[in-house]
Amino acid sequence: LEGRLFVLARHVAQSPATLREGYAVVPEGQRDVSRLRRCFGCLVLRGKKCVLARDADKNIRIPLDEAALKETAQQAAVRALAEACDIYPEEFFMLQNVAPAVYYEGSTVVSIFC
């Protein structure tokens, strides 16, 4: 058949015109994911405790920041932690085999590394 693929079928089912239960069409104008703000943070665990930061309103939070120009997501997370908690990057290490936890906060995508 000289590298060609032939598909033989007796019946082709039409896909339903509606979406599956629990799914919805994204409204027009919200399909451009490059417009979403992206923040990166780092959660440091020390024994049974974790390192958190206080914001200007004295609320405790995981340190987050946006990536600077030519900065990777992990570099932004390390910088956010170092600046907010006065920790040198040499004092901790990132777990390479643990994927970041990702969640959406309004129109912001937040990635937390460990």
Foldseek 3Di string as FASTA:
>chain_A
DVPDDDDDDDDDDDDDPDDDPPDDDDDPPPPPLVPFFEKEAEWADDPPDIDWAADPVRDTHTFIDGADPPGDRVRRHLVSCCVRPVDDSVVDDFDPPDFWDWDDDDRYIYTYTD
